[in-house]
Protein backbone atom coordinates (compact mmCIF):
# COMPACT_ATOMS: atom_id res chain seq x y z
CA UNK A 1 96.13 150.42 -83.88
CA UNK A 2 98.09 149.46 -86.81
CA UNK A 3 99.44 146.78 -84.99
CA UNK A 4 96.22 145.21 -83.59
CA UNK A 5 94.79 145.38 -86.85
CA UNK A 6 97.91 143.60 -88.06
CA UNK A 7 97.53 141.01 -85.27
CA UNK A 8 93.58 140.45 -86.26
CA UNK A 9 93.91 139.99 -89.95
CA UNK A 10 97.15 137.81 -89.39
CA UNK A 11 95.17 135.49 -86.96
CA UNK A 12 92.10 135.26 -89.09
CA UNK A 13 93.79 134.70 -92.47
CA UNK A 14 97.24 134.52 -92.47
CA UNK A 15 98.02 132.33 -89.48
CA UNK A 16 94.40 130.77 -89.29
CA UNK A 17 94.23 128.35 -86.52
CA UNK A 18 92.73 125.67 -88.44
CA UNK A 19 93.34 125.99 -92.08
CA UNK A 20 97.11 127.28 -92.23
CA UNK A 21 98.42 125.70 -88.54
CA UNK A 22 96.15 122.63 -88.59
CA UNK A 23 95.07 123.04 -84.98
CA UNK A 24 91.53 122.02 -83.55
CA UNK A 25 90.75 119.18 -86.34
CA UNK A 26 88.60 117.42 -84.30
CA UNK A 27 86.04 119.96 -83.93
CA UNK A 28 86.57 121.25 -87.35
CA UNK A 29 85.62 117.65 -89.14
CA UNK A 30 83.10 116.73 -86.29
CA UNK A 31 81.13 119.83 -85.89
CA UNK A 32 81.10 121.23 -89.73
CA UNK A 33 78.09 118.95 -90.76
CA UNK A 34 75.63 121.45 -90.26
CA UNK A 35 76.18 125.23 -90.84
CA UNK A 36 74.23 125.85 -87.42
CA UNK A 37 76.16 123.76 -85.44
CA UNK A 38 79.35 125.11 -86.76
CA UNK A 39 78.22 128.44 -86.05
CA UNK A 40 77.37 127.68 -82.60
CA UNK A 41 80.76 125.55 -81.76
CA UNK A 42 82.65 128.96 -83.16
CA UNK A 43 81.03 131.25 -80.92
CA UNK A 44 81.77 128.83 -77.95
CA UNK A 45 85.43 128.47 -79.16
CA UNK A 46 85.70 132.20 -79.18
CA UNK A 47 84.31 132.88 -75.76
CA UNK A 48 86.47 130.11 -74.22
CA UNK A 49 89.67 131.25 -76.21
CA UNK A 50 89.13 134.97 -75.18
CA UNK A 51 87.99 134.19 -71.53
CA UNK A 52 90.82 131.96 -71.04
CA UNK A 53 93.31 134.01 -72.48
CA UNK A 54 92.59 137.30 -70.53
CA UNK A 55 92.57 134.86 -67.26
CA UNK A 56 95.95 133.22 -68.39
CA UNK A 57 97.72 136.39 -69.12
CA UNK A 58 97.21 137.58 -66.06
CA UNK A 59 97.90 134.84 -64.34
CA UNK A 60 101.12 134.37 -65.85
CA UNK A 61 102.10 138.13 -65.24
CA UNK A 62 100.83 138.65 -61.95
CA UNK A 63 101.37 135.33 -60.37
CA UNK A 64 103.47 133.04 -62.30
CA UNK A 65 106.31 135.13 -63.19
CA UNK A 66 106.73 137.13 -59.82
CA UNK A 67 106.59 133.74 -58.08
CA UNK A 68 109.10 132.14 -60.44
CA UNK A 69 106.79 129.61 -60.99
CA UNK A 70 106.59 129.37 -64.81
CA UNK A 71 106.87 125.95 -64.89
CA UNK A 72 103.52 125.51 -63.68
CA UNK A 73 101.97 127.28 -66.90
CA UNK A 74 100.63 124.45 -68.79
CA UNK A 75 98.97 123.30 -65.31
CA UNK A 76 97.07 126.54 -64.82
CA UNK A 77 96.49 127.32 -68.48
CA UNK A 78 94.38 123.81 -68.91
CA UNK A 79 92.75 124.25 -65.65
CA UNK A 80 91.61 127.59 -66.66
CA UNK A 81 90.26 126.24 -70.16
CA UNK A 82 88.83 123.27 -68.47
CA UNK A 83 86.62 125.84 -66.12
CA UNK A 84 85.70 127.91 -69.06
CA UNK A 85 84.51 124.64 -71.02
CA UNK A 86 82.32 123.41 -68.17
CA UNK A 87 80.76 126.95 -68.11
CA UNK A 88 80.02 127.15 -71.78
CA UNK A 89 78.42 123.38 -71.33
CA UNK A 90 76.58 124.29 -68.77
CA UNK A 91 75.24 127.44 -70.41
CA UNK A 92 74.41 125.46 -73.60
CA UNK A 93 72.82 122.50 -71.97
CA UNK A 94 70.58 124.72 -69.96
CA UNK A 95 69.47 127.07 -73.22
CA UNK A 96 69.34 124.66 -75.79
CA UNK A 97 68.89 121.11 -75.56
CA UNK A 98 68.98 120.42 -79.08
CA UNK A 99 72.32 122.32 -79.49
CA UNK A 100 73.70 120.28 -76.58
CA UNK A 101 72.68 117.02 -78.31
CA UNK A 102 74.04 118.26 -81.68
CA UNK A 103 77.76 119.31 -79.81
CA UNK A 104 77.68 115.56 -78.37
CA UNK A 105 81.17 115.01 -77.66
CA UNK A 106 82.75 117.75 -79.35
CA UNK A 107 81.40 120.38 -76.55
CA UNK A 108 83.84 118.99 -73.55
CA UNK A 109 86.65 118.27 -76.53
CA UNK A 110 86.99 122.03 -76.41
CA UNK A 111 89.11 121.75 -73.09
CA UNK A 112 91.54 119.34 -74.91
CA UNK A 113 91.30 121.43 -78.28
CA UNK A 114 94.61 121.96 -79.09
CA UNK A 115 94.22 125.50 -80.60
CA UNK A 116 92.93 127.10 -77.30
CA UNK A 117 96.01 125.73 -75.39
CA UNK A 118 97.73 127.26 -78.48
CA UNK A 119 96.80 130.65 -78.62
CA UNK A 120 97.16 130.96 -74.61
CA UNK A 121 100.72 129.81 -75.20
CA UNK A 122 101.07 132.17 -78.07
CA UNK A 123 99.95 135.26 -76.17
CA UNK A 124 102.11 134.93 -73.15
CA UNK A 125 105.33 132.83 -74.08
CA UNK A 126 105.53 133.24 -77.88
CA UNK A 127 104.96 136.70 -78.88
CA UNK A 128 104.42 138.07 -75.04
CA UNK A 129 101.63 140.07 -76.37
CA UNK A 130 100.38 143.13 -74.16
CA UNK A 131 96.71 142.21 -72.61
CA UNK A 132 95.04 144.54 -75.37
CA UNK A 133 96.70 142.47 -78.00
CA UNK A 134 96.00 139.09 -76.11
CA UNK A 135 92.46 140.19 -76.32
CA UNK A 136 92.59 141.02 -79.76
CA UNK A 137 94.79 138.34 -80.91
CA UNK A 138 92.37 135.65 -78.89
CA UNK A 139 89.15 137.11 -80.61
CA UNK A 140 90.31 137.24 -83.85
CA UNK A 141 91.48 133.49 -83.81
CA UNK A 142 88.31 132.43 -82.64
CA UNK A 143 86.85 134.36 -85.52
CA UNK A 144 89.37 132.29 -87.90
CA UNK A 145 88.42 129.40 -86.45
CA UNK A 146 84.47 130.08 -86.67
CA UNK A 147 85.29 131.25 -90.45
CA UNK A 148 87.11 127.91 -91.50
CA UNK A 149 84.00 125.81 -89.51
CA UNK A 150 81.54 127.91 -91.40
CA UNK A 151 83.10 127.61 -94.75
CA UNK A 152 83.30 123.59 -94.11
CA UNK A 153 80.04 123.45 -93.18
CA UNK A 154 78.91 125.36 -96.31
CA UNK A 155 80.87 123.02 -98.52
CA UNK A 156 79.66 120.00 -96.48
CA UNK A 157 76.00 121.05 -96.72
CA UNK A 158 76.47 121.31 -100.78
CA UNK A 159 78.41 117.83 -100.70
CA UNK A 160 75.34 116.07 -99.25
CA UNK A 161 73.35 117.18 -102.35
CA UNK A 162 76.11 115.81 -104.87
CA UNK A 163 76.45 112.25 -105.84
CA UNK A 164 80.39 111.64 -105.15
CA UNK A 165 81.98 108.35 -105.88
CA UNK A 166 81.18 105.54 -103.06
CA UNK A 167 84.82 105.77 -102.07
CA UNK A 168 84.91 109.42 -101.03
CA UNK A 169 81.19 109.54 -99.55
CA UNK A 170 81.55 111.09 -95.89
CA UNK A 171 84.63 111.85 -94.27
CA UNK A 172 87.10 111.31 -97.38
CA UNK A 173 85.38 114.09 -99.42
CA UNK A 174 85.40 116.21 -96.19
CA UNK A 175 89.39 115.69 -95.99
CA UNK A 176 89.69 116.50 -99.89
CA UNK A 177 87.60 119.65 -99.21
CA UNK A 178 89.51 120.66 -96.12
CA UNK A 179 92.74 120.38 -97.98
CA UNK A 180 91.40 122.19 -100.86
CA UNK A 181 90.21 125.10 -98.46
CA UNK A 182 93.71 124.86 -96.61
CA UNK A 183 95.52 125.40 -99.91
CA UNK A 184 93.38 128.55 -100.59
CA UNK A 185 94.08 129.90 -97.09
CA UNK A 186 97.77 129.23 -97.88
CA UNK A 187 97.64 132.10 -100.54
CA UNK A 188 97.23 134.39 -97.75
CA UNK A 189 100.66 133.71 -96.69
CA UNK A 190 102.03 136.07 -98.99
CA UNK A 191 100.52 138.95 -97.93
CA UNK A 192 102.58 141.72 -96.54
CA UNK A 193 101.34 142.88 -93.15
């Protein structure tokens, strides 16, 4: 149980996929303009990341390794991720047209979100987690992604009320804010887990 807690805290804070590993920056900057959109994107990423990790872990352990076809992992992993993104897009389109329009191009971009592929590869290849550890790492990494999105969206909503110099309006101030947020998260790197 202690190992699972260590994995979770590490994935959310110490090795935050966005703010310390700098993966998934496209949806991070694209969707973090409004808190509602950021939180919904975060939940979509948690779902896709967790479901994809479970399926890819099983395929890797019970199909690719026994058949000596580990070289097919990237193709299989991307296919699984793309399938879950399509399911998520269909669900969002059916249940919330407004949210679907708000996501725009960023929902299909989850397919090519390097953060999701990175988590799948970390679970199966780098850390070689068990199924339970894979689930914990995937959910926690998704929660870390959600945390980063929500924090950034809160900052950007507050910045909309500010009057920064003209050169900093829009994405430049978002980049500066993201850098400061990432710097704050680097402080978690000193935690002993």
